[in-house]
PDB file of N, CA and C in Angstrom:
ATOM      1  N   MET A   1     -23.229  27.003  -7.998  1.00  0.00           N
ATOM      2  CA  MET A   1     -22.480  25.855  -9.631  1.00  0.00           C
ATOM      3  C   MET A   1     -21.745  25.361  -9.585  1.00  0.00           C
ATOM      4  N   LEU A   2     -20.824  25.358  -8.319  1.00  0.00           N
ATOM      5  CA  LEU A   2     -19.448  24.576  -8.418  1.00  0.00           C
ATOM      6  C   LEU A   2     -20.494  22.429  -8.447  1.00  0.00           C
ATOM      7  N   LYS A   3     -21.195  22.440  -7.275  1.00  0.00           N
ATOM      8  CA  LYS A   3     -21.915  21.258  -7.955  1.00  0.00           C
ATOM      9  C   LYS A   3     -22.503  20.850  -8.792  1.00  0.00           C
ATOM     10  N   ILE A   4     -22.821  21.790  -9.764  1.00  0.00           N
ATOM     11  CA  ILE A   4     -23.392  21.251 -11.330  1.00  0.00           C
ATOM     12  C   ILE A   4     -22.294  20.747 -11.728  1.00  0.00           C
ATOM     13  N   ILE A   5     -21.288  21.951 -11.954  1.00  0.00           N
ATOM     14  CA  ILE A   5     -20.008  21.380 -12.590  1.00  0.00           C
ATOM     15  C   ILE A   5     -19.579  19.904 -12.302  1.00  0.00           C
ATOM     16  N   LYS A   6     -19.335  19.897 -11.360  1.00  0.00           N
ATOM     17  CA  LYS A   6     -18.878  18.807 -10.281  1.00  0.00           C
ATOM     18  C   LYS A   6     -19.518  17.557 -10.976  1.00  0.00           C
ATOM     19  N   THR A   7     -21.173  17.536 -10.704  1.00  0.00           N
ATOM     20  CA  THR A   7     -21.687  16.581 -11.206  1.00  0.00           C
ATOM     21  C   THR A   7     -21.836  16.295 -12.758  1.00  0.00           C
ATOM     22  N   LEU A   8     -21.849  17.298 -13.314  1.00  0.00           N
ATOM     23  CA  LEU A   8     -21.269  17.091 -14.623  1.00  0.00           C
ATOM     24  C   LEU A   8     -20.208  16.843 -15.071  1.00  0.00           C
ATOM     25  N   ILE A   9     -18.930  16.433 -14.809  1.00  0.00           N
ATOM     26  CA  ILE A   9     -17.795  16.116 -15.020  1.00  0.00           C
ATOM     27  C   ILE A   9     -17.774  14.717 -14.273  1.00  0.00           C
ATOM     28  N   LEU A  10     -18.322  14.483 -12.825  1.00  0.00           N
ATOM     29  CA  LEU A  10     -18.291  13.227 -12.685  1.00  0.00           C
ATOM     30  C   LEU A  10     -19.554  12.220 -13.868  1.00  0.00           C
ATOM     31  N   THR A  11     -20.376  12.763 -14.153  1.00  0.00           N
ATOM     32  CA  THR A  11     -21.268  11.727 -14.686  1.00  0.00           C
ATOM     33  C   THR A  11     -20.588  11.621 -16.190  1.00  0.00           C
ATOM     34  N   ILE A  12     -19.607  12.628 -16.883  1.00  0.00           N
ATOM     35  CA  ILE A  12     -19.152  12.362 -18.415  1.00  0.00           C
ATOM     36  C   ILE A  12     -18.012  11.589 -17.802  1.00  0.00           C
ATOM     37  N   PHE A  13     -16.990  11.127 -17.027  1.00  0.00           N
ATOM     38  CA  PHE A  13     -16.272  10.422 -16.573  1.00  0.00           C
ATOM     39  C   PHE A  13     -16.921   9.107 -16.315  1.00  0.00           C
ATOM     40  N   THR A  14     -17.693   9.020 -15.468  1.00  0.00           N
ATOM     41  CA  THR A  14     -18.225   7.525 -15.452  1.00  0.00           C
ATOM     42  C   THR A  14     -18.589   7.085 -16.968  1.00  0.00           C
ATOM     43  N   TYR A  15     -19.496   7.966 -17.554  1.00  0.00           N
ATOM     44  CA  TYR A  15     -19.778   7.443 -18.840  1.00  0.00           C
ATOM     45  C   TYR A  15     -18.840   7.026 -19.795  1.00  0.00           C
ATOM     46  N   LEU A  16     -17.765   7.728 -19.573  1.00  0.00           N
ATOM     47  CA  LEU A  16     -16.607   7.382 -20.349  1.00  0.00           C
ATOM     48  C   LEU A  16     -15.914   5.798 -20.057  1.00  0.00           C
ATOM     49  N   LEU A  17     -15.594   5.456 -18.795  1.00  0.00           N
ATOM     50  CA  LEU A  17     -15.194   4.755 -18.141  1.00  0.00           C
ATOM     51  C   LEU A  17     -16.268   3.542 -18.349  1.00  0.00           C
ATOM     52  N   GLN A  18     -17.798   3.527 -18.364  1.00  0.00           N
ATOM     53  CA  GLN A  18     -18.392   2.422 -18.747  1.00  0.00           C
ATOM     54  C   GLN A  18     -18.704   2.037 -20.208  1.00  0.00           C
ATOM     55  N   ALA A  19     -18.616   2.987 -21.070  1.00  0.00           N
ATOM     56  CA  ALA A  19     -18.783   2.855 -22.152  1.00  0.00           C
ATOM     57  C   ALA A  19     -17.320   2.311 -23.023  1.00  0.00           C
ATOM     58  N   THR A  20     -16.151   2.745 -22.330  1.00  0.00           N
ATOM     59  CA  THR A  20     -15.109   2.439 -23.114  1.00  0.00           C
ATOM     60  C   THR A  20     -14.074   1.072 -22.080  1.00  0.00           C
ATOM     61  N   VAL A  21     -14.113   1.145 -21.330  1.00  0.00           N
ATOM     62  CA  VAL A  21     -13.541   0.865 -20.200  1.00  0.00           C
ATOM     63  C   VAL A  21     -14.199  -0.814 -19.964  1.00  0.00           C
ATOM     64  N   PHE A  22     -15.333  -0.668 -19.117  1.00  0.00           N
ATOM     65  CA  PHE A  22     -15.809  -1.913 -18.828  1.00  0.00           C
ATOM     66  C   PHE A  22     -16.045  -3.006 -19.388  1.00  0.00           C
ATOM     67  N   PRO A  23     -16.331  -2.548 -20.975  1.00  0.00           N
ATOM     68  CA  PRO A  23     -16.675  -3.827 -21.468  1.00  0.00           C
ATOM     69  C   PRO A  23     -15.427  -4.612 -21.954  1.00  0.00           C
ATOM     70  N   LEU A  24     -14.335  -4.054 -21.668  1.00  0.00           N
ATOM     71  CA  LEU A  24     -13.165  -5.069 -22.143  1.00  0.00           C
ATOM     72  C   LEU A  24     -12.390  -6.056 -20.874  1.00  0.00           C
ATOM     73  N   LEU A  25     -13.469  -5.284 -19.689  1.00  0.00           N
ATOM     74  CA  LEU A  25     -12.639  -6.184 -18.387  1.00  0.00           C
ATOM     75  C   LEU A  25     -14.059  -7.148 -17.561  1.00  0.00           C
ATOM     76  N   PRO A  26     -14.602  -7.820 -18.408  1.00  0.00           N
ATOM     77  CA  PRO A  26     -15.608  -9.120 -18.225  1.00  0.00           C
ATOM     78  C   PRO A  26     -14.996  -9.862 -17.319  1.00  0.00           C
ATOM     79  N   ILE A  27     -15.840 -10.468 -16.326  1.00  0.00           N
ATOM     80  CA  ILE A  27     -15.227 -11.666 -15.416  1.00  0.00           C
ATOM     81  C   ILE A  27     -16.343 -12.583 -15.410  1.00  0.00           C
ATOM     82  N   ASN A  28     -16.092 -13.792 -16.066  1.00  0.00           N
ATOM     83  CA  ASN A  28     -17.156 -15.003 -16.266  1.00  0.00           C
ATOM     84  C   ASN A  28     -17.940 -14.339 -17.257  1.00  0.00           C
ATOM     85  N   ASN A  29     -17.523 -13.458 -18.471  1.00  0.00           N
ATOM     86  CA  ASN A  29     -18.694 -13.020 -19.680  1.00  0.00           C
ATOM     87  C   ASN A  29     -19.691 -11.899 -18.662  1.00  0.00           C
ATOM     88  N   ILE A  30     -19.280 -11.511 -17.940  1.00  0.00           N
ATOM     89  CA  ILE A  30     -20.084 -10.273 -17.083  1.00  0.00           C
ATOM     90  C   ILE A  30     -19.558  -9.271 -16.910  1.00  0.00           C
ATOM     91  N   SER A  31     -19.908  -7.906 -17.707  1.00  0.00           N
ATOM     92  CA  SER A  31     -19.343  -6.820 -16.950  1.00  0.00           C
ATOM     93  C   SER A  31     -19.987  -5.902 -16.119  1.00  0.00           C
ATOM     94  N   GLY A  32     -19.349  -5.301 -15.416  1.00  0.00           N
ATOM     95  CA  GLY A  32     -19.423  -4.614 -14.044  1.00  0.00           C
ATOM     96  C   GLY A  32     -20.210  -3.360 -14.536  1.00  0.00           C
ATOM     97  N   ASN A  33     -21.374  -2.455 -14.047  1.00  0.00           N
ATOM     98  CA  ASN A  33     -22.179  -1.450 -14.031  1.00  0.00           C
ATOM     99  C   ASN A  33     -21.295  -0.038 -13.237  1.00  0.00           C
ATOM    100  N   ILE A  34     -20.471   0.620 -13.672  1.00  0.00           N
ATOM    101  CA  ILE A  34     -20.329   1.409 -12.387  1.00  0.00           C
ATOM    102  C   ILE A  34     -21.224   2.794 -12.418  1.00  0.00           C
ATOM    103  N   ILE A  35     -21.929   2.601 -13.671  1.00  0.00           N
ATOM    104  CA  ILE A  35     -23.090   3.949 -13.371  1.00  0.00           C
ATOM    105  C   ILE A  35     -24.203   4.025 -12.432  1.00  0.00           C
ATOM    106  N   ILE A  36     -24.425   2.783 -11.800  1.00  0.00           N
ATOM    107  CA  ILE A  36     -25.432   2.744 -11.059  1.00  0.00           C
ATOM    108  C   ILE A  36     -24.338   2.878  -9.615  1.00  0.00           C
ATOM    109  N   ALA A  37     -23.561   2.742  -9.407  1.00  0.00           N
ATOM    110  CA  ALA A  37     -22.409   2.877  -8.387  1.00  0.00           C
ATOM    111  C   ALA A  37     -22.591   4.424  -8.410  1.00  0.00           C
ATOM    112  N   MET A  38     -21.884   4.764  -9.488  1.00  0.00           N
ATOM    113  CA  MET A  38     -21.991   6.470  -9.375  1.00  0.00           C
ATOM    114  C   MET A  38     -22.937   7.148  -9.246  1.00  0.00           C
ATOM    115  N   GLN A  39     -24.286   6.410  -9.464  1.00  0.00           N
ATOM    116  CA  GLN A  39     -25.141   7.539  -9.444  1.00  0.00           C
ATOM    117  C   GLN A  39     -25.601   7.423  -7.971  1.00  0.00           C
ATOM    118  N   ALA A  40     -25.207   6.267  -7.294  1.00  0.00           N
ATOM    119  CA  ALA A  40     -25.427   6.100  -5.624  1.00  0.00           C
ATOM    120  C   ALA A  40     -24.404   7.330  -4.997  1.00  0.00           C
ATOM    121  N   ILE A  41     -23.453   6.892  -5.296  1.00  0.00           N
ATOM    122  CA  ILE A  41     -22.295   8.411  -4.963  1.00  0.00           C
ATOM    123  C   ILE A  41     -22.981  10.008  -4.889  1.00  0.00           C
ATOM    124  N   ILE A  42     -23.470  10.009  -5.774  1.00  0.00           N
ATOM    125  CA  ILE A  42     -23.820  10.943  -6.211  1.00  0.00           C
ATOM    126  C   ILE A  42     -25.213  11.771  -5.097  1.00  0.00           C
ATOM    127  N   ILE A  43     -26.398  10.845  -5.487  1.00  0.00           N
ATOM    128  CA  ILE A  43     -27.304  10.906  -4.531  1.00  0.00           C
ATOM    129  C   ILE A  43     -27.250  11.056  -3.479  1.00  0.00           C
ATOM    130  N   VAL A  44     -25.923  10.471  -2.758  1.00  0.00           N
ATOM    131  CA  VAL A  44     -25.583  10.480  -1.376  1.00  0.00           C
ATOM    132  C   VAL A  44     -24.862  12.025  -0.827  1.00  0.00           C
ATOM    133  N   ALA A  45     -24.118  12.199  -2.126  1.00  0.00           N
ATOM    134  CA  ALA A  45     -23.202  13.554  -1.795  1.00  0.00           C
ATOM    135  C   ALA A  45     -23.597  14.424  -1.941  1.00  0.00           C
ATOM    136  N   MET A  46     -24.515  14.587  -2.752  1.00  0.00           N
ATOM    137  CA  MET A  46     -24.772  16.099  -3.596  1.00  0.00           C
ATOM    138  C   MET A  46     -26.481  16.211  -3.299  1.00  0.00           C
ATOM    139  N   GLY A  47     -26.947  15.069  -3.179  1.00  0.00           N
ATOM    140  CA  GLY A  47     -28.910  15.359  -3.242  1.00  0.00           C
ATOM    141  C   GLY A  47     -29.477  14.698  -4.430  1.00  0.00           C
ATOM    142  N   ARG A  48     -30.840  15.421  -3.741  1.00  0.00           N
ATOM    143  CA  ARG A  48     -32.080  14.508  -4.591  1.00  0.00           C
ATOM    144  C   ARG A  48     -31.601  15.164  -6.569  1.00  0.00           C
ATOM    145  N   GLN A  49     -31.376  16.330  -6.425  1.00  0.00           N
ATOM    146  CA  GLN A  49     -31.779  16.882  -7.747  1.00  0.00           C
ATOM    147  C   GLN A  49     -30.565  16.921  -8.770  1.00  0.00           C
ATOM    148  N   HIS A  50     -29.489  16.931  -7.807  1.00  0.00           N
ATOM    149  CA  HIS A  50     -28.031  16.536  -8.811  1.00  0.00           C
ATOM    150  C   HIS A  50     -28.179  15.098  -9.243  1.00  0.00           C
ATOM    151  N   GLY A  51     -28.572  13.864  -8.240  1.00  0.00           N
ATOM    152  CA  GLY A  51     -28.751  12.927  -8.422  1.00  0.00           C
ATOM    153  C   GLY A  51     -29.796  12.457  -9.592  1.00  0.00           C
ATOM    154  N   PHE A  52     -31.161  12.967  -9.454  1.00  0.00           N
ATOM    155  CA  PHE A  52     -32.359  12.532 -10.707  1.00  0.00           C
ATOM    156  C   PHE A  52     -31.321  13.500 -11.920  1.00  0.00           C
ATOM    157  N   ALA A  53     -31.063  14.730 -12.157  1.00  0.00           N
ATOM    158  CA  ALA A  53     -30.508  15.306 -13.233  1.00  0.00           C
ATOM    159  C   ALA A  53     -29.132  14.204 -14.144  1.00  0.00           C
ATOM    160  N   SER A  54     -28.433  13.899 -13.097  1.00  0.00           N
ATOM    161  CA  SER A  54     -27.406  12.822 -13.109  1.00  0.00           C
ATOM    162  C   SER A  54     -27.995  11.671 -14.035  1.00  0.00           C
ATOM    163  N   SER A  55     -28.783  11.561 -13.250  1.00  0.00           N
ATOM    164  CA  SER A  55     -29.408  10.242 -13.802  1.00  0.00           C
ATOM    165  C   SER A  55     -30.260  10.113 -14.987  1.00  0.00           C
ATOM    166  N   LEU A  56     -30.779  11.246 -15.529  1.00  0.00           N
ATOM    167  CA  LEU A  56     -31.393  11.762 -16.781  1.00  0.00           C
ATOM    168  C   LEU A  56     -29.906  11.823 -17.905  1.00  0.00           C
ATOM    169  N   ILE A  57     -28.987  12.499 -17.388  1.00  0.00           N
ATOM    170  CA  ILE A  57     -28.189  12.071 -18.471  1.00  0.00           C
ATOM    171  C   ILE A  57     -27.338  11.081 -18.478  1.00  0.00           C
ATOM    172  N   PHE A  58     -27.380  10.002 -17.493  1.00  0.00           N
ATOM    173  CA  PHE A  58     -26.863   8.429 -17.637  1.00  0.00           C
ATOM    174  C   PHE A  58     -27.774   8.034 -18.642  1.00  0.00           C
ATOM    175  N   GLY A  59     -28.552   8.133 -18.320  1.00  0.00           N
ATOM    176  CA  GLY A  59     -29.733   7.217 -19.417  1.00  0.00           C
ATOM    177  C   GLY A  59     -29.633   7.872 -20.990  1.00  0.00           C
ATOM    178  N   ILE A  60     -29.608   9.085 -21.347  1.00  0.00           N
ATOM    179  CA  ILE A  60     -29.911   9.736 -22.294  1.00  0.00           C
ATOM    180  C   ILE A  60     -28.201   8.972 -22.851  1.00  0.00           C
ATOM    181  N   LEU A  61     -27.086   9.642 -22.339  1.00  0.00           N
ATOM    182  CA  LEU A  61     -25.811   9.200 -23.430  1.00  0.00           C
ATOM    183  C   LEU A  61     -25.745   7.657 -23.134  1.00  0.00           C
ATOM    184  N   MET A  62     -26.609   6.553 -22.467  1.00  0.00           N
ATOM    185  CA  MET A  62     -26.045   5.079 -22.713  1.00  0.00           C
ATOM    186  C   MET A  62     -27.137   4.440 -23.677  1.00  0.00           C
ATOM    187  N   GLU A  63     -28.387   5.236 -24.003  1.00  0.00           N
ATOM    188  CA  GLU A  63     -29.383   5.361 -24.835  1.00  0.00           C
ATOM    189  C   GLU A  63     -28.973   5.459 -26.035  1.00  0.00           C
ATOM    190  N   VAL A  64     -27.987   6.888 -26.348  1.00  0.00           N
ATOM    191  CA  VAL A  64     -27.830   7.272 -27.733  1.00  0.00           C
ATOM    192  C   VAL A  64     -26.640   6.468 -28.264  1.00  0.00           C
ATOM    193  N   MET A  65     -25.718   6.113 -26.966  1.00  0.00           N
ATOM    194  CA  MET A  65     -24.328   5.642 -27.675  1.00  0.00           C
ATOM    195  C   MET A  65     -24.082   3.761 -27.478  1.00  0.00           C
ATOM    196  N   VAL A  66     -25.363   3.690 -26.746  1.00  0.00           N
ATOM    197  CA  VAL A  66     -24.400   2.040 -26.387  1.00  0.00           C
ATOM    198  C   VAL A  66     -26.280   1.177 -26.598  1.00  0.00           C
ATOM    199  N   PRO A  67     -26.904   1.570 -27.864  1.00  0.00           N
ATOM    200  CA  PRO A  67     -28.139   0.872 -27.788  1.00  0.00           C
ATOM    201  C   PRO A  67     -28.293  -0.650 -27.628  1.00  0.00           C
ATOM    202  N   SER A  68     -29.223  -0.876 -26.944  1.00  0.00           N
ATOM    203  CA  SER A  68     -29.747  -2.462 -26.714  1.00  0.00           C
ATOM    204  C   SER A  68     -31.091  -2.975 -26.954  1.00  0.00           C
ATOM    205  N   LEU A  69     -31.841  -2.193 -25.929  1.00  0.00           N
ATOM    206  CA  LEU A  69     -33.612  -2.591 -26.413  1.00  0.00           C
ATOM    207  C   LEU A  69     -33.788  -0.970 -26.030  1.00  0.00           C
ATOM    208  N   PRO A  70     -34.776  -0.575 -26.982  1.00  0.00           N
ATOM    209  CA  PRO A  70     -35.434   0.746 -27.164  1.00  0.00           C
ATOM    210  C   PRO A  70     -36.009   1.474 -25.796  1.00  0.00           C
ATOM    211  N   TYR A  71     -35.124   2.341 -25.503  1.00  0.00           N
ATOM    212  CA  TYR A  71     -35.762   3.088 -24.337  1.00  0.00           C
ATOM    213  C   TYR A  71     -35.384   2.308 -22.970  1.00  0.00           C
ATOM    214  N   LEU A  72     -34.480   1.500 -22.795  1.00  0.00           N
ATOM    215  CA  LEU A  72     -34.598   0.496 -21.659  1.00  0.00           C
ATOM    216  C   LEU A  72     -33.616   1.420 -21.015  1.00  0.00           C
ATOM    217  N   HIS A  73     -32.209   1.842 -21.157  1.00  0.00           N
ATOM    218  CA  HIS A  73     -31.519   2.913 -20.074  1.00  0.00           C
ATOM    219  C   HIS A  73     -32.368   4.254 -19.751  1.00  0.00           C
ATOM    220  N   LEU A  74     -32.826   4.866 -20.924  1.00  0.00           N
ATOM    221  CA  LEU A  74     -33.538   6.088 -20.493  1.00  0.00           C
ATOM    222  C   LEU A  74     -34.692   5.412 -19.257  1.00  0.00           C
ATOM    223  N   LEU A  75     -34.973   4.586 -19.283  1.00  0.00           N
ATOM    224  CA  LEU A  75     -36.325   4.251 -18.276  1.00  0.00           C
ATOM    225  C   LEU A  75     -35.497   3.529 -16.856  1.00  0.00           C
ATOM    226  N   ILE A  76     -34.804   2.904 -17.212  1.00  0.00           N
ATOM    227  CA  ILE A  76     -34.225   2.690 -15.765  1.00  0.00           C
ATOM    228  C   ILE A  76     -33.266   3.019 -15.506  1.00  0.00           C
ATOM    229  N   TYR A  77     -32.324   4.170 -15.429  1.00  0.00           N
ATOM    230  CA  TYR A  77     -31.629   4.596 -14.923  1.00  0.00           C
ATOM    231  C   TYR A  77     -32.012   5.916 -13.997  1.00  0.00           C
ATOM    232  N   PRO A  78     -33.374   6.549 -14.535  1.00  0.00           N
ATOM    233  CA  PRO A  78     -33.987   7.737 -13.927  1.00  0.00           C
ATOM    234  C   PRO A  78     -34.654   6.837 -12.505  1.00  0.00           C
ATOM    235  N   PHE A  79     -35.332   5.933 -13.084  1.00  0.00           N
ATOM    236  CA  PHE A  79     -36.293   5.127 -12.368  1.00  0.00           C
ATOM    237  C   PHE A  79     -35.272   4.754 -10.952  1.00  0.00           C
ATOM    238  N   LEU A  80     -34.173   4.197 -11.247  1.00  0.00           N
ATOM    239  CA  LEU A  80     -33.246   3.997 -10.194  1.00  0.00           C
ATOM    240  C   LEU A  80     -32.615   5.180  -9.434  1.00  0.00           C
ATOM    241  N   GLY A  81     -32.574   6.212 -10.193  1.00  0.00           N
ATOM    242  CA  GLY A  81     -32.162   7.775  -9.478  1.00  0.00           C
ATOM    243  C   GLY A  81     -33.475   8.286  -8.680  1.00  0.00           C
ATOM    244  N   VAL A  82     -34.524   7.867  -8.904  1.00  0.00           N
ATOM    245  CA  VAL A  82     -35.735   8.730  -8.022  1.00  0.00           C
ATOM    246  C   VAL A  82     -35.702   7.725  -6.997  1.00  0.00           C
ATOM    247  N   LEU A  83     -35.717   6.149  -6.723  1.00  0.00           N
ATOM    248  CA  LEU A  83     -35.546   5.021  -5.809  1.00  0.00           C
ATOM    249  C   LEU A  83     -34.412   5.289  -4.959  1.00  0.00           C
ATOM    250  N   GLY A  84     -33.346   5.571  -5.821  1.00  0.00           N
ATOM    251  CA  GLY A  84     -32.297   5.789  -4.595  1.00  0.00           C
ATOM    252  C   GLY A  84     -32.540   6.747  -4.192  1.00  0.00           C
ATOM    253  N   SER A  85     -32.733   8.082  -4.450  1.00  0.00           N
ATOM    254  CA  SER A  85     -33.257   9.001  -3.533  1.00  0.00           C
ATOM    255  C   SER A  85     -34.116   9.210  -2.173  1.00  0.00           C
ATOM    256  N   ILE A  86     -35.049   8.336  -2.525  1.00  0.00           N
ATOM    257  CA  ILE A  86     -36.230   8.009  -1.759  1.00  0.00           C
ATOM    258  C   ILE A  86     -35.370   7.732  -0.348  1.00  0.00           C
ATOM    259  N   PHE A  87     -34.675   6.862  -0.602  1.00  0.00           N
ATOM    260  CA  PHE A  87     -33.503   5.875   0.505  1.00  0.00           C
ATOM    261  C   PHE A  87     -32.602   6.681   1.204  1.00  0.00           C
ATOM    262  N   PHE A  88     -31.716   7.231   0.146  1.00  0.00           N
ATOM    263  CA  PHE A  88     -30.604   7.386   0.352  1.00  0.00           C
ATOM    264  C   PHE A  88     -30.224   9.035   0.366  1.00  0.00           C
ATOM    265  N   ALA A  89     -31.147  10.173   0.067  1.00  0.00           N
ATOM    266  CA  ALA A  89     -30.902  11.144  -0.223  1.00  0.00           C
ATOM    267  C   ALA A  89     -30.839  11.879   1.096  1.00  0.00           C
ATOM    268  N   ASP A  90     -30.552  12.719   1.550  1.00  0.00           N
ATOM    269  CA  ASP A  90     -29.986  13.372   3.111  1.00  0.00           C
ATOM    270  C   ASP A  90     -31.415  14.309   3.167  1.00  0.00           C
ATOM    271  N   LYS A  91     -31.991  14.055   4.137  1.00  0.00           N
ATOM    272  CA  LYS A  91     -33.456  14.723   4.698  1.00  0.00           C
ATOM    273  C   LYS A  91     -33.286  15.637   5.655  1.00  0.00           C
ATOM    274  N   THR A  92     -32.286  16.136   5.908  1.00  0.00           N
ATOM    275  CA  THR A  92     -32.432  17.203   7.021  1.00  0.00           C
ATOM    276  C   THR A  92     -33.120  18.594   7.027  1.00  0.00           C
ATOM    277  N   ASP A  93     -33.054  18.778   5.430  1.00  0.00           N
ATOM    278  CA  ASP A  93     -33.954  20.102   5.555  1.00  0.00           C
ATOM    279  C   ASP A  93     -35.531  19.683   6.111  1.00  0.00           C
ATOM    280  N   ARG A  94     -36.035  18.810   6.259  1.00  0.00           N
ATOM    281  CA  ARG A  94     -37.717  18.624   6.459  1.00  0.00           C
ATOM    282  C   ARG A  94     -38.090  19.092   8.353  1.00  0.00           C
TER     283      ARG A  94
END
């Protein structure tokens, strides 16, 4: 239960940083994407299920609050979560 709460807090905090602070700090008109970095950290630290769940939440939040192309965020973040979990998740239970 504690891992779920940590994942949710990290997800919301990262989303708030991405949506509010990072558009104000562009370097050469390029804004950073902290969500992808946090997704990798959650996958490595907490495992596949938490990584995929956080990537779904990131995708939904970014799609709803920062619309650009229809369904772009909803597709790209879970795809990156699955791809990252293939390579970076802990596989000691096998």
